């Protein structure tokens, strides 16, 4: 009788605990992301991953530092918010060991109106806000140069870490204000124009295709150079759950979602 009861108890426990008695154990994958569009895009693959026994947990961040620190420390398995030039600069500056496992989308940088409604109307000494982190400030300055507003020193390109001190010609005497990227939409009422990262523009209700006075020339190298990536700590690139995430994101369904949802403010690159 005791043996029979023991067998029955074991069967009951087996049915109630997935991880025991041959049941499939669910894998939890924690990915850090900016709220828009990254977390929204990740949400599109939750069900696909769940079918494979992977529970996707999306942790939202509103800055560009914490999600990289969390991947380095192991608190996150991956993050999705940055492009490769930013990641490389972050690694160099902070001694981290992050790598890309694949590119998902591109967000065109735009120049957005604040107190001044057009680039032609910019007054002498106009205030222009740009992001203050190396790779994104370079990108902003290159866009200002694209529009003929400034000239940068020879050799400045997407791989550089340029600042306003690399400007060699500034015919309108623009006052370049270097600010945290997350604050750029907030300061628009106080500056003439601002050069804003795509995700922060979207969070602020702006769209490069509709609201910007000028956008990056996507026919050049920008789309690939500044494509937003899935980043992991070096050594985790071939993790099965990470590869499943990448495959799910680089799908026709996600491409359609991106291209149909963001009106050109976010463009799939796979």
Foldseek 3Di string as FASTA:
>chain_A
DVVVVVVVVVVVVPVVDQVPDPHDAAAEAEEEEAVPPTVVLLVVCQVVVVVVRYHYHYHYDLADPVRQVCQQVVVHQWYWYFFDLLVVVCCVVPVAFKDFLDFWKAFWKFKFFAQAQAPVPQAQQFEEEFEQFFLRQLVQVVQCVVVVQFDFAPPRDNNGRDDPVRTPGGPSNYHYHHDHQLCQLVCRNPGGIYTHTLRSCVVSVHARVPGGNDTDDPVDCRTVRTGIGIMHGPPCSVPPSNVSSVVSSPDPVSQCCQCVPRVRSMHTDD
